Amino acid sequence: MVVLSIPAVEQFSIVKNCKPISSFFPSNIPIIDLSKPDSKNLLVKACEEFGFFKIINHGVPMEFINNLELEAIKFFSSPLNQKEKAGPADPFGYGNRKIGTNGDIGWVEYILLSTNSEFNYQKFASILGLDPENIRAAVNDYVSAMKKMACEILEMLAEGLKIYPKNVFSKLLMDEQSDSVFRINHYPPCPEVQEFNGRNLIGFGAHTDPQIISLLRSNNTSGLQISLEDGHWISVPPDQNSFFINVGDSLQVMTNGRFKSVKHRVLANSLKSRLSMIYFGGPPLSEKIAPLASLIKGDQDSLYKEFTWFEYKKSAYNSRLADNRLVLFEKVV
């Protein structure tokens, strides 16, 4: 285990310790084998009941995963004054502790990259031991695999919902103007955790993802939790060989609330570093987001106003992490 460290975080968010409860799935977290013929129906069920699930037999080459993790470990192991040469995150680049623009703080450092525009990877060249071309290649291979898997899952969901054409969701990620982003989070060991007996120290505060879908992979360190509708938190057992999928706010709107955008958070770990890599599949900025007509049955009403992804993204990123971002776009009954 490589021990990574950053300067002590000055401000923390403390929450009461929560416990997992039983659910519709025996292991609490839905586990879906993409190679099985019934997977599209299980995907729909998981999106309806949790908004979150784990997939196995995903077909992503382990070489892509390992190469990117190695480059990320090299970067986050560098001294802070070196890492800051790849920042600030405005919005793309290196960031430390500060999450967003509205005062949210976490025990985290990260790199945020656009999947479309050219990030200046030469910023990494001045950091000792890093080759910017190696990082670029590792990110491109990994993101390409994530985009392919995200589109496959979205098309299976469309088929499970009996929506045609089946690329109704995936075409938004395939669009050349897709506003998708990629984030690598590093949570260093946090010795202060042990000082808060029976309480949790937040690495990344509770929030939903505003995009369509999120694909997450982490190393074998715990910390991720999801919230059930009754407010209980479930700890997600780490699995470095699988991927975890979140329904985003935009997909909740497009399915008229049938799919749930799950609230999730990351807790700090006292002993181990946690490294996570997340692909956020987003639509083009000009894309209009609204419930699909084919999913509104009979006298059922649309729950949301129509808005563009640019409008929602601007609103979401001007809010606090824990805010209910969709409430401003709900229709008043």
C-alpha atoms as a PDB file:
ATOM      1  CA  MET A   1       0.000   0.000   0.000  1.00  0.00           C
ATOM      2  CA  VAL A   2       1.355   3.407  -1.012  1.00  0.00           C
ATOM      3  CA  VAL A   3       0.686   5.955   1.722  1.00  0.00           C
ATOM      4  CA  LEU A   4      -0.248   9.330   0.267  1.00  0.00           C
ATOM      5  CA  SER A   5      -0.655  12.517   2.242  1.00  0.00           C
ATOM      6  CA  ILE A   6      -1.766  16.123   1.930  1.00  0.00           C
ATOM      7  CA  PRO A   7      -1.762  18.957   4.471  1.00  0.00           C
ATOM      8  CA  ALA A   8      -4.335  18.741   7.250  1.00  0.00           C
ATOM      9  CA  VAL A   9      -7.795  19.877   6.284  1.00  0.00           C
ATOM     10  CA  GLU A  10      -8.816  22.890   8.354  1.00  0.00           C
ATOM     11  CA  GLN A  11     -12.573  22.442   8.297  1.00  0.00           C
ATOM     12  CA  PHE A  12     -14.698  19.318   8.528  1.00  0.00           C
ATOM     13  CA  SER A  13     -18.349  18.384   8.249  1.00  0.00           C
ATOM     14  CA  ILE A  14     -19.413  16.008  11.033  1.00  0.00           C
ATOM     15  CA  VAL A  15     -22.509  13.820  10.814  1.00  0.00           C
ATOM     16  CA  LYS A  16     -24.022  11.227  13.101  1.00  0.00           C
ATOM     17  CA  ASN A  17     -23.028   7.631  12.559  1.00  0.00           C
ATOM     18  CA  CYS A  18     -25.666   5.745  10.553  1.00  0.00           C
ATOM     19  CA  LYS A  19     -26.284   2.042  10.110  1.00  0.00           C
ATOM     20  CA  PRO A  20     -27.359   0.001   7.088  1.00  0.00           C
ATOM     21  CA  ILE A  21     -30.812  -1.549   6.932  1.00  0.00           C
ATOM     22  CA  SER A  22     -32.354  -4.363   4.912  1.00  0.00           C
ATOM     23  CA  SER A  23     -33.474  -3.747   1.352  1.00  0.00           C
ATOM     24  CA  PHE A  24     -35.058  -5.371  -1.680  1.00  0.00           C
ATOM     25  CA  PHE A  25     -31.695  -6.888  -2.585  1.00  0.00           C
ATOM     26  CA  PRO A  26     -30.189  -9.523  -0.248  1.00  0.00           C
ATOM     27  CA  SER A  27     -26.768  -7.859  -0.173  1.00  0.00           C
ATOM     28  CA  ASN A  28     -28.188  -4.298   0.074  1.00  0.00           C
ATOM     29  CA  ILE A  29     -26.327  -3.168  -3.057  1.00  0.00           C
ATOM     30  CA  PRO A  30     -27.695  -4.501  -6.384  1.00  0.00           C
ATOM     31  CA  ILE A  31     -25.060  -6.521  -8.246  1.00  0.00           C
ATOM     32  CA  ILE A  32     -25.738  -6.965 -11.965  1.00  0.00           C
ATOM     33  CA  ASP A  33     -23.883  -9.245 -14.356  1.00  0.00           C
ATOM     34  CA  LEU A  34     -23.891  -7.491 -17.744  1.00  0.00           C
ATOM     35  CA  SER A  35     -23.296 -10.813 -19.507  1.00  0.00           C
ATOM     36  CA  LYS A  36     -26.639 -12.286 -18.364  1.00  0.00           C
ATOM     37  CA  PRO A  37     -29.728 -12.097 -20.610  1.00  0.00           C
ATOM     38  CA  ASP A  38     -31.978 -10.661 -17.882  1.00  0.00           C
ATOM     39  CA  SER A  39     -29.571  -7.831 -17.017  1.00  0.00           C
ATOM     40  CA  LYS A  40     -31.625  -5.059 -18.672  1.00  0.00           C
ATOM     41  CA  ASN A  41     -34.621  -5.779 -16.438  1.00  0.00           C
ATOM     42  CA  LEU A  42     -32.409  -5.886 -13.339  1.00  0.00           C
ATOM     43  CA  LEU A  43     -30.855  -2.576 -14.382  1.00  0.00           C
ATOM     44  CA  VAL A  44     -34.291  -0.974 -14.536  1.00  0.00           C
ATOM     45  CA  LYS A  45     -35.246  -2.422 -11.142  1.00  0.00           C
ATOM     46  CA  ALA A  46     -32.037  -1.126  -9.551  1.00  0.00           C
ATOM     47  CA  CYS A  47     -32.537   2.358 -11.015  1.00  0.00           C
ATOM     48  CA  GLU A  48     -36.108   2.460  -9.734  1.00  0.00           C
ATOM     49  CA  GLU A  49     -35.386   1.210  -6.222  1.00  0.00           C
ATOM     50  CA  PHE A  50     -31.888   2.532  -5.520  1.00  0.00           C
ATOM     51  CA  GLY A  51     -30.536   4.686  -8.330  1.00  0.00           C
ATOM     52  CA  PHE A  52     -27.298   2.811  -7.738  1.00  0.00           C
ATOM     53  CA  PHE A  53     -25.813  -0.587  -8.536  1.00  0.00           C
ATOM     54  CA  LYS A  54     -22.598  -2.543  -9.077  1.00  0.00           C
ATOM     55  CA  ILE A  55     -21.802  -4.191 -12.388  1.00  0.00           C
ATOM     56  CA  ILE A  56     -19.605  -7.208 -12.982  1.00  0.00           C
ATOM     57  CA  ASN A  57     -18.382  -8.824 -16.219  1.00  0.00           C
ATOM     58  CA  HIS A  58     -18.102  -5.312 -17.625  1.00  0.00           C
ATOM     59  CA  GLY A  59     -15.412  -6.077 -20.205  1.00  0.00           C
ATOM     60  CA  VAL A  60     -13.187  -3.078 -19.378  1.00  0.00           C
ATOM     61  CA  PRO A  61      -9.531  -4.154 -19.788  1.00  0.00           C
ATOM     62  CA  MET A  62      -7.731  -4.281 -16.438  1.00  0.00           C
ATOM     63  CA  GLU A  63      -4.738  -2.780 -18.241  1.00  0.00           C
ATOM     64  CA  PHE A  64      -6.642   0.492 -18.676  1.00  0.00           C
ATOM     65  CA  ILE A  65      -7.614   0.536 -14.994  1.00  0.00           C
ATOM     66  CA  ASN A  66      -4.150  -0.308 -13.691  1.00  0.00           C
ATOM     67  CA  ASN A  67      -2.333   2.127 -15.987  1.00  0.00           C
ATOM     68  CA  LEU A  68      -4.477   5.067 -14.919  1.00  0.00           C
ATOM     69  CA  GLU A  69      -4.319   4.185 -11.229  1.00  0.00           C
ATOM     70  CA  LEU A  70      -0.510   4.006 -11.427  1.00  0.00           C
ATOM     71  CA  GLU A  71      -0.313   7.459 -13.011  1.00  0.00           C
ATOM     72  CA  ALA A  72      -2.753   8.856 -10.433  1.00  0.00           C
ATOM     73  CA  ILE A  73      -0.721   7.446  -7.535  1.00  0.00           C
ATOM     74  CA  LYS A  74       2.440   9.035  -8.971  1.00  0.00           C
ATOM     75  CA  PHE A  75       0.694  12.376  -9.183  1.00  0.00           C
ATOM     76  CA  PHE A  76      -0.945  12.394  -5.744  1.00  0.00           C
ATOM     77  CA  SER A  77       2.295  11.178  -4.132  1.00  0.00           C
ATOM     78  CA  SER A  78       4.034  14.366  -5.297  1.00  0.00           C
ATOM     79  CA  PRO A  79       4.594  17.292  -2.903  1.00  0.00           C
ATOM     80  CA  LEU A  80       1.687  19.728  -2.709  1.00  0.00           C
ATOM     81  CA  ASN A  81       3.639  22.603  -4.237  1.00  0.00           C
ATOM     82  CA  GLN A  82       4.306  20.383  -7.268  1.00  0.00           C
ATOM     83  CA  LYS A  83       0.697  19.215  -7.647  1.00  0.00           C
ATOM     84  CA  GLU A  84      -0.526  22.798  -7.528  1.00  0.00           C
ATOM     85  CA  LYS A  85       1.255  23.396 -10.841  1.00  0.00           C
ATOM     86  CA  ALA A  86      -1.604  21.406 -12.425  1.00  0.00           C
ATOM     87  CA  GLY A  87      -4.136  23.780 -10.897  1.00  0.00           C
ATOM     88  CA  PRO A  88      -6.123  25.657  -9.926  1.00  0.00           C
ATOM     89  CA  ALA A  89      -9.321  23.830 -10.883  1.00  0.00           C
ATOM     90  CA  ASP A  90     -11.112  26.540 -12.869  1.00  0.00           C
ATOM     91  CA  PRO A  91     -13.032  24.291 -13.378  1.00  0.00           C
ATOM     92  CA  PHE A  92     -10.489  21.857 -14.858  1.00  0.00           C
ATOM     93  CA  GLY A  93      -7.188  21.005 -13.218  1.00  0.00           C
ATOM     94  CA  TYR A  94      -5.983  20.185  -9.704  1.00  0.00           C
ATOM     95  CA  GLY A  95      -8.011  21.071  -6.618  1.00  0.00           C
ATOM     96  CA  ASN A  96      -7.485  20.529  -2.905  1.00  0.00           C
ATOM     97  CA  ARG A  97     -10.119  20.470  -0.129  1.00  0.00           C
ATOM     98  CA  LYS A  98     -12.463  23.026  -1.704  1.00  0.00           C
ATOM     99  CA  ILE A  99     -15.463  21.410  -3.429  1.00  0.00           C
ATOM    100  CA  GLY A 100     -17.304  23.800  -5.726  1.00  0.00           C
ATOM    101  CA  THR A 101     -17.629  27.544  -5.225  1.00  0.00           C
ATOM    102  CA  ASN A 102     -19.974  27.734  -2.248  1.00  0.00           C
ATOM    103  CA  GLY A 103     -17.924  26.848   0.797  1.00  0.00           C
ATOM    104  CA  ASP A 104     -18.098  23.038   0.784  1.00  0.00           C
ATOM    105  CA  ILE A 105     -14.914  21.512   2.196  1.00  0.00           C
ATOM    106  CA  GLY A 106     -13.808  17.868   2.227  1.00  0.00           C
ATOM    107  CA  TRP A 107     -10.865  15.654   3.091  1.00  0.00           C
ATOM    108  CA  VAL A 108     -10.074  15.283  -0.610  1.00  0.00           C
ATOM    109  CA  GLU A 109      -7.827  16.389  -3.447  1.00  0.00           C
ATOM    110  CA  TYR A 110      -8.657  15.816  -7.087  1.00  0.00           C
ATOM    111  CA  ILE A 111      -8.030  16.317 -10.781  1.00  0.00           C
ATOM    112  CA  LEU A 112     -11.016  17.355 -12.931  1.00  0.00           C
ATOM    113  CA  LEU A 113     -10.782  16.957 -16.708  1.00  0.00           C
ATOM    114  CA  SER A 114     -13.098  17.595 -19.633  1.00  0.00           C
ATOM    115  CA  THR A 115     -13.543  14.613 -21.929  1.00  0.00           C
ATOM    116  CA  ASN A 116     -13.881  16.875 -24.975  1.00  0.00           C
ATOM    117  CA  SER A 117     -11.664  19.934 -24.692  1.00  0.00           C
ATOM    118  CA  GLU A 118      -7.922  19.635 -24.559  1.00  0.00           C
ATOM    119  CA  PHE A 119      -6.607  19.881 -21.020  1.00  0.00           C
ATOM    120  CA  ASN A 120      -3.047  21.207 -20.949  1.00  0.00           C
ATOM    121  CA  TYR A 121      -1.294  18.004 -19.888  1.00  0.00           C
ATOM    122  CA  GLN A 122       2.021  19.861 -20.122  1.00  0.00           C
ATOM    123  CA  LYS A 123       1.163  21.178 -16.653  1.00  0.00           C
ATOM    124  CA  PHE A 124       2.246  17.735 -15.455  1.00  0.00           C
ATOM    125  CA  ALA A 125       5.636  17.999 -17.161  1.00  0.00           C
ATOM    126  CA  SER A 126       7.138  20.145 -14.407  1.00  0.00           C
ATOM    127  CA  ILE A 127       6.160  17.642 -11.718  1.00  0.00           C
ATOM    128  CA  LEU A 128       9.082  15.352 -10.956  1.00  0.00           C
ATOM    129  CA  GLY A 129       8.697  11.806 -12.311  1.00  0.00           C
ATOM    130  CA  LEU A 130       5.568  12.452 -14.393  1.00  0.00           C
ATOM    131  CA  ASP A 131       5.297  12.095 -18.163  1.00  0.00           C
ATOM    132  CA  PRO A 132       2.338  14.125 -19.487  1.00  0.00           C
ATOM    133  CA  GLU A 133       1.948  11.861 -22.519  1.00  0.00           C
ATOM    134  CA  ASN A 134       1.649   8.785 -20.296  1.00  0.00           C
ATOM    135  CA  ILE A 135      -1.077  10.500 -18.290  1.00  0.00           C
ATOM    136  CA  ARG A 136      -2.893  11.661 -21.415  1.00  0.00           C
ATOM    137  CA  ALA A 137      -2.828   8.170 -22.937  1.00  0.00           C
ATOM    138  CA  ALA A 138      -3.993   6.519 -19.693  1.00  0.00           C
ATOM    139  CA  VAL A 139      -6.892   8.961 -19.310  1.00  0.00           C
ATOM    140  CA  ASN A 140      -7.959   8.653 -22.961  1.00  0.00           C
ATOM    141  CA  ASP A 141      -7.974   4.840 -22.885  1.00  0.00           C
ATOM    142  CA  TYR A 142      -9.928   4.748 -19.630  1.00  0.00           C
ATOM    143  CA  VAL A 143     -12.462   7.432 -20.586  1.00  0.00           C
ATOM    144  CA  SER A 144     -13.116   5.785 -23.961  1.00  0.00           C
ATOM    145  CA  ALA A 145     -13.924   2.530 -22.158  1.00  0.00           C
ATOM    146  CA  MET A 146     -16.194   4.366 -19.695  1.00  0.00           C
ATOM    147  CA  LYS A 147     -18.088   6.130 -22.473  1.00  0.00           C
ATOM    148  CA  LYS A 148     -18.645   2.824 -24.276  1.00  0.00           C
ATOM    149  CA  MET A 149     -19.877   1.113 -21.097  1.00  0.00           C
ATOM    150  CA  ALA A 150     -22.114   4.042 -20.142  1.00  0.00           C
ATOM    151  CA  CYS A 151     -23.771   3.979 -23.562  1.00  0.00           C
ATOM    152  CA  GLU A 152     -24.249   0.210 -23.363  1.00  0.00           C
ATOM    153  CA  ILE A 153     -25.944   0.533 -19.961  1.00  0.00           C
ATOM    154  CA  LEU A 154     -28.150   3.425 -21.117  1.00  0.00           C
ATOM    155  CA  GLU A 155     -29.274   1.460 -24.178  1.00  0.00           C
ATOM    156  CA  MET A 156     -30.084  -1.565 -22.026  1.00  0.00           C
ATOM    157  CA  LEU A 157     -32.123   0.705 -19.747  1.00  0.00           C
ATOM    158  CA  ALA A 158     -34.031   2.072 -22.730  1.00  0.00           C
ATOM    159  CA  GLU A 159     -34.776  -1.470 -23.887  1.00  0.00           C
ATOM    160  CA  GLY A 160     -35.867  -2.441 -20.373  1.00  0.00           C
ATOM    161  CA  LEU A 161     -38.235   0.550 -20.337  1.00  0.00           C
ATOM    162  CA  LYS A 162     -39.439  -0.361 -23.848  1.00  0.00           C
ATOM    163  CA  ILE A 163     -38.364   3.019 -25.216  1.00  0.00           C
ATOM    164  CA  TYR A 164     -37.453   3.286 -28.887  1.00  0.00           C
ATOM    165  CA  PRO A 165     -35.106   4.115 -30.401  1.00  0.00           C
ATOM    166  CA  LYS A 166     -32.865   2.541 -27.814  1.00  0.00           C
ATOM    167  CA  ASN A 167     -30.234   5.297 -28.160  1.00  0.00           C
ATOM    168  CA  VAL A 168     -32.576   7.933 -26.721  1.00  0.00           C
ATOM    169  CA  PHE A 169     -30.224   8.350 -23.735  1.00  0.00           C
ATOM    170  CA  SER A 170     -26.895   7.180 -25.144  1.00  0.00           C
ATOM    171  CA  LYS A 171     -26.955   9.564 -28.122  1.00  0.00           C
ATOM    172  CA  LEU A 172     -26.491  12.446 -25.680  1.00  0.00           C
ATOM    173  CA  LEU A 173     -23.142  11.011 -24.559  1.00  0.00           C
ATOM    174  CA  MET A 174     -22.133  10.111 -28.126  1.00  0.00           C
ATOM    175  CA  ASP A 175     -22.766  13.652 -29.357  1.00  0.00           C
ATOM    176  CA  GLU A 176     -19.540  15.491 -30.201  1.00  0.00           C
ATOM    177  CA  GLN A 177     -20.714  18.343 -27.970  1.00  0.00           C
ATOM    178  CA  SER A 178     -21.413  16.075 -24.996  1.00  0.00           C
ATOM    179  CA  ASP A 179     -20.532  17.898 -21.789  1.00  0.00           C
ATOM    180  CA  SER A 180     -19.035  14.882 -20.013  1.00  0.00           C
ATOM    181  CA  VAL A 181     -16.284  15.234 -17.412  1.00  0.00           C
ATOM    182  CA  PHE A 182     -13.821  12.939 -15.678  1.00  0.00           C
ATOM    183  CA  ARG A 183     -12.651  13.244 -12.080  1.00  0.00           C
ATOM    184  CA  ILE A 184      -9.978  11.462 -10.045  1.00  0.00           C
ATOM    185  CA  ASN A 185     -10.423  11.854  -6.283  1.00  0.00           C
ATOM    186  CA  HIS A 186      -7.795  11.070  -3.669  1.00  0.00           C
ATOM    187  CA  TYR A 187      -8.729  10.791   0.022  1.00  0.00           C
ATOM    188  CA  PRO A 188      -5.557  10.587   2.155  1.00  0.00           C
ATOM    189  CA  PRO A 189      -5.518   8.711   5.476  1.00  0.00           C
ATOM    190  CA  CYS A 190      -7.125  10.866   8.150  1.00  0.00           C
ATOM    191  CA  PRO A 191      -5.814  10.130  11.673  1.00  0.00           C
ATOM    192  CA  GLU A 192      -8.294  12.650  13.139  1.00  0.00           C
ATOM    193  CA  VAL A 193     -11.133  10.200  12.437  1.00  0.00           C
ATOM    194  CA  GLN A 194     -10.311   8.288  15.611  1.00  0.00           C
ATOM    195  CA  GLU A 195     -10.845  11.426  17.688  1.00  0.00           C
ATOM    196  CA  PHE A 196     -14.547  11.460  16.803  1.00  0.00           C
ATOM    197  CA  ASN A 197     -15.759   8.320  18.559  1.00  0.00           C
ATOM    198  CA  GLY A 198     -18.957   7.025  16.980  1.00  0.00           C
ATOM    199  CA  ARG A 199     -19.110   9.879  14.478  1.00  0.00           C
ATOM    200  CA  ASN A 200     -18.108  10.181  10.843  1.00  0.00           C
ATOM    201  CA  LEU A 201     -15.668  12.590   9.229  1.00  0.00           C
ATOM    202  CA  ILE A 202     -16.689  13.636   5.734  1.00  0.00           C
ATOM    203  CA  GLY A 203     -14.319  13.193   2.810  1.00  0.00           C
ATOM    204  CA  PHE A 204     -16.890  14.365   0.229  1.00  0.00           C
ATOM    205  CA  GLY A 205     -20.275  15.675   1.368  1.00  0.00           C
ATOM    206  CA  ALA A 206     -23.692  14.215   0.547  1.00  0.00           C
ATOM    207  CA  HIS A 207     -24.909  15.133  -2.937  1.00  0.00           C
ATOM    208  CA  THR A 208     -26.525  13.860  -6.124  1.00  0.00           C
ATOM    209  CA  ASP A 209     -24.813  13.963  -9.512  1.00  0.00           C
ATOM    210  CA  PRO A 210     -26.452  16.428 -11.932  1.00  0.00           C
ATOM    211  CA  GLN A 211     -25.499  14.612 -15.154  1.00  0.00           C
ATOM    212  CA  ILE A 212     -27.230  11.620 -16.802  1.00  0.00           C
ATOM    213  CA  ILE A 213     -25.112   8.794 -15.419  1.00  0.00           C
ATOM    214  CA  SER A 214     -21.924   8.336 -13.377  1.00  0.00           C
ATOM    215  CA  LEU A 215     -19.490   5.411 -13.537  1.00  0.00           C
ATOM    216  CA  LEU A 216     -17.225   5.018 -10.528  1.00  0.00           C
ATOM    217  CA  ARG A 217     -14.301   2.755  -9.806  1.00  0.00           C
ATOM    218  CA  SER A 218     -12.171   2.930  -6.659  1.00  0.00           C
ATOM    219  CA  ASN A 219      -9.326   1.049  -5.033  1.00  0.00           C
ATOM    220  CA  ASN A 220     -10.010  -1.439  -2.256  1.00  0.00           C
ATOM    221  CA  THR A 221     -10.630   1.178   0.461  1.00  0.00           C
ATOM    222  CA  SER A 222     -14.057   1.729   2.019  1.00  0.00           C
ATOM    223  CA  GLY A 223     -15.786   5.080   2.452  1.00  0.00           C
ATOM    224  CA  LEU A 224     -18.557   5.350  -0.150  1.00  0.00           C
ATOM    225  CA  GLN A 225     -22.127   5.411   1.187  1.00  0.00           C
ATOM    226  CA  ILE A 226     -25.538   5.848  -0.457  1.00  0.00           C
ATOM    227  CA  SER A 227     -28.722   7.134   1.135  1.00  0.00           C
ATOM    228  CA  LEU A 228     -32.004   5.233   1.029  1.00  0.00           C
ATOM    229  CA  GLU A 229     -35.320   7.055   0.694  1.00  0.00           C
ATOM    230  CA  ASP A 230     -35.915   6.820   4.446  1.00  0.00           C
ATOM    231  CA  GLY A 231     -32.651   8.647   5.148  1.00  0.00           C
ATOM    232  CA  HIS A 232     -30.609   5.637   6.265  1.00  0.00           C
ATOM    233  CA  TRP A 233     -27.096   5.362   4.863  1.00  0.00           C
ATOM    234  CA  ILE A 234     -25.732   2.118   3.386  1.00  0.00           C
ATOM    235  CA  SER A 235     -21.987   1.552   3.265  1.00  0.00           C
ATOM    236  CA  VAL A 236     -20.827   0.266  -0.116  1.00  0.00           C
ATOM    237  CA  PRO A 237     -18.266  -2.555   0.204  1.00  0.00           C
ATOM    238  CA  PRO A 238     -15.229  -1.643  -1.927  1.00  0.00           C
ATOM    239  CA  ASP A 239     -14.475  -3.722  -5.005  1.00  0.00           C
ATOM    240  CA  GLN A 240     -11.525  -2.622  -7.121  1.00  0.00           C
ATOM    241  CA  ASN A 241     -12.452  -4.975  -9.972  1.00  0.00           C
ATOM    242  CA  SER A 242     -16.020  -3.746 -10.510  1.00  0.00           C
ATOM    243  CA  PHE A 243     -17.815  -0.503 -11.324  1.00  0.00           C
ATOM    244  CA  PHE A 244     -20.528   1.343  -9.432  1.00  0.00           C
ATOM    245  CA  ILE A 245     -23.188   3.247 -11.348  1.00  0.00           C
ATOM    246  CA  ASN A 246     -25.211   6.278 -10.194  1.00  0.00           C
ATOM    247  CA  VAL A 247     -28.378   7.590 -11.790  1.00  0.00           C
ATOM    248  CA  GLY A 248     -27.948  11.338 -12.280  1.00  0.00           C
ATOM    249  CA  ASP A 249     -30.504  14.131 -11.854  1.00  0.00           C
ATOM    250  CA  SER A 250     -30.936  14.500 -15.622  1.00  0.00           C
ATOM    251  CA  LEU A 251     -31.887  10.829 -16.024  1.00  0.00           C
ATOM    252  CA  GLN A 252     -34.348  11.150 -13.145  1.00  0.00           C
ATOM    253  CA  VAL A 253     -36.015  14.014 -15.010  1.00  0.00           C
ATOM    254  CA  MET A 254     -36.033  12.197 -18.360  1.00  0.00           C
ATOM    255  CA  THR A 255     -37.747   9.198 -16.742  1.00  0.00           C
ATOM    256  CA  ASN A 256     -40.206  11.528 -14.964  1.00  0.00           C
ATOM    257  CA  GLY A 257     -38.987  10.421 -11.565  1.00  0.00           C
ATOM    258  CA  ARG A 258     -39.180   6.705 -12.277  1.00  0.00           C
ATOM    259  CA  PHE A 259     -35.401   6.395 -11.861  1.00  0.00           C
ATOM    260  CA  LYS A 260     -33.907   7.835  -8.689  1.00  0.00           C
ATOM    261  CA  SER A 261     -30.862  10.091  -8.532  1.00  0.00           C
ATOM    262  CA  VAL A 262     -29.222   8.714  -5.414  1.00  0.00           C
ATOM    263  CA  LYS A 263     -27.682  10.886  -2.736  1.00  0.00           C
ATOM    264  CA  HIS A 264     -24.206   9.648  -1.815  1.00  0.00           C
ATOM    265  CA  ARG A 265     -21.157  10.684   0.207  1.00  0.00           C
ATOM    266  CA  VAL A 266     -17.634   9.538   1.074  1.00  0.00           C
ATOM    267  CA  LEU A 267     -16.345   9.136   4.620  1.00  0.00           C
ATOM    268  CA  ALA A 268     -12.708   9.688   5.530  1.00  0.00           C
ATOM    269  CA  ASN A 269     -10.628   6.628   6.410  1.00  0.00           C
ATOM    270  CA  SER A 270      -8.185   6.734   9.310  1.00  0.00           C
ATOM    271  CA  LEU A 271      -5.653   4.258   7.914  1.00  0.00           C
ATOM    272  CA  LYS A 272      -5.831   3.936   4.116  1.00  0.00           C
ATOM    273  CA  SER A 273      -5.785   6.166   1.077  1.00  0.00           C
ATOM    274  CA  ARG A 274      -8.856   5.992  -1.133  1.00  0.00           C
ATOM    275  CA  LEU A 275      -8.505   6.640  -4.863  1.00  0.00           C
ATOM    276  CA  SER A 276     -11.616   6.877  -7.026  1.00  0.00           C
ATOM    277  CA  MET A 277     -12.106   7.601 -10.719  1.00  0.00           C
ATOM    278  CA  ILE A 278     -15.496   8.857 -11.921  1.00  0.00           C
ATOM    279  CA  TYR A 279     -16.831   9.379 -15.437  1.00  0.00           C
ATOM    280  CA  PHE A 280     -19.815  11.759 -15.491  1.00  0.00           C
ATOM    281  CA  GLY A 281     -21.814  11.317 -18.699  1.00  0.00           C
ATOM    282  CA  GLY A 282     -23.445  14.626 -19.572  1.00  0.00           C
ATOM    283  CA  PRO A 283     -25.501  15.929 -22.520  1.00  0.00           C
ATOM    284  CA  PRO A 284     -24.568  18.863 -24.782  1.00  0.00           C
ATOM    285  CA  LEU A 285     -25.008  22.235 -23.086  1.00  0.00           C
ATOM    286  CA  SER A 286     -27.879  23.200 -25.424  1.00  0.00           C
ATOM    287  CA  GLU A 287     -29.748  19.906 -24.957  1.00  0.00           C
ATOM    288  CA  LYS A 288     -33.295  20.267 -23.612  1.00  0.00           C
ATOM    289  CA  ILE A 289     -33.976  18.027 -20.623  1.00  0.00           C
ATOM    290  CA  ALA A 290     -37.584  17.002 -19.929  1.00  0.00           C
ATOM    291  CA  PRO A 291     -39.593  13.843 -19.176  1.00  0.00           C
ATOM    292  CA  LEU A 292     -39.908  11.591 -22.217  1.00  0.00           C
ATOM    293  CA  ALA A 293     -43.453  11.606 -23.599  1.00  0.00           C
ATOM    294  CA  SER A 294     -43.379   7.814 -23.973  1.00  0.00           C
ATOM    295  CA  LEU A 295     -42.953   7.443 -20.196  1.00  0.00           C
ATOM    296  CA  ILE A 296     -45.925   9.638 -19.284  1.00  0.00           C
ATOM    297  CA  LYS A 297     -48.958   7.361 -19.211  1.00  0.00           C
ATOM    298  CA  GLY A 298     -52.626   8.281 -19.406  1.00  0.00           C
ATOM    299  CA  ASP A 299     -53.529  11.199 -17.159  1.00  0.00           C
ATOM    300  CA  GLN A 300     -50.097  11.231 -15.510  1.00  0.00           C
ATOM    301  CA  ASP A 301     -48.488  14.663 -15.380  1.00  0.00           C
ATOM    302  CA  SER A 302     -44.954  15.727 -16.141  1.00  0.00           C
ATOM    303  CA  LEU A 303     -43.192  16.325 -12.822  1.00  0.00           C
ATOM    304  CA  TYR A 304     -40.559  18.699 -14.197  1.00  0.00           C
ATOM    305  CA  LYS A 305     -40.308  21.813 -16.316  1.00  0.00           C
ATOM    306  CA  GLU A 306     -38.236  21.633 -19.477  1.00  0.00           C
ATOM    307  CA  PHE A 307     -34.751  23.131 -19.149  1.00  0.00           C
ATOM    308  CA  THR A 308     -31.442  23.012 -20.964  1.00  0.00           C
ATOM    309  CA  TRP A 309     -28.446  21.201 -19.529  1.00  0.00           C
ATOM    310  CA  PHE A 310     -26.633  24.566 -19.441  1.00  0.00           C
ATOM    311  CA  GLU A 311     -29.399  26.038 -17.253  1.00  0.00           C
ATOM    312  CA  TYR A 312     -29.383  23.097 -14.875  1.00  0.00           C
ATOM    313  CA  LYS A 313     -25.592  22.830 -14.719  1.00  0.00           C
ATOM    314  CA  LYS A 314     -25.304  26.547 -13.889  1.00  0.00           C
ATOM    315  CA  SER A 315     -27.929  26.216 -11.156  1.00  0.00           C
ATOM    316  CA  ALA A 316     -26.393  23.042  -9.735  1.00  0.00           C
ATOM    317  CA  TYR A 317     -22.878  24.399  -9.557  1.00  0.00           C
ATOM    318  CA  ASN A 318     -24.091  27.571  -7.855  1.00  0.00           C
ATOM    319  CA  SER A 319     -25.660  25.516  -5.056  1.00  0.00           C
ATOM    320  CA  ARG A 320     -24.288  23.769  -1.991  1.00  0.00           C
ATOM    321  CA  LEU A 321     -23.545  20.039  -2.250  1.00  0.00           C
ATOM    322  CA  ALA A 322     -26.422  18.982  -0.011  1.00  0.00           C
ATOM    323  CA  ASP A 323     -29.067  21.166  -1.696  1.00  0.00           C
ATOM    324  CA  ASN A 324     -32.029  19.598  -3.500  1.00  0.00           C
ATOM    325  CA  ARG A 325     -31.007  20.866  -6.919  1.00  0.00           C
ATOM    326  CA  LEU A 326     -34.079  19.658  -8.783  1.00  0.00           C
ATOM    327  CA  VAL A 327     -36.624  21.420  -6.582  1.00  0.00           C
ATOM    328  CA  LEU A 328     -36.288  24.618  -8.615  1.00  0.00           C
ATOM    329  CA  PHE A 329     -37.274  22.718 -11.763  1.00  0.00           C
ATOM    330  CA  GLU A 330     -40.223  20.776 -10.393  1.00  0.00           C
ATOM    331  CA  LYS A 331     -43.705  21.667 -11.594  1.00  0.00           C
ATOM    332  CA  VAL A 332     -46.020  23.081  -8.975  1.00  0.00           C
ATOM    333  CA  VAL A 333     -49.073  20.824  -8.705  1.00  0.00           C
END
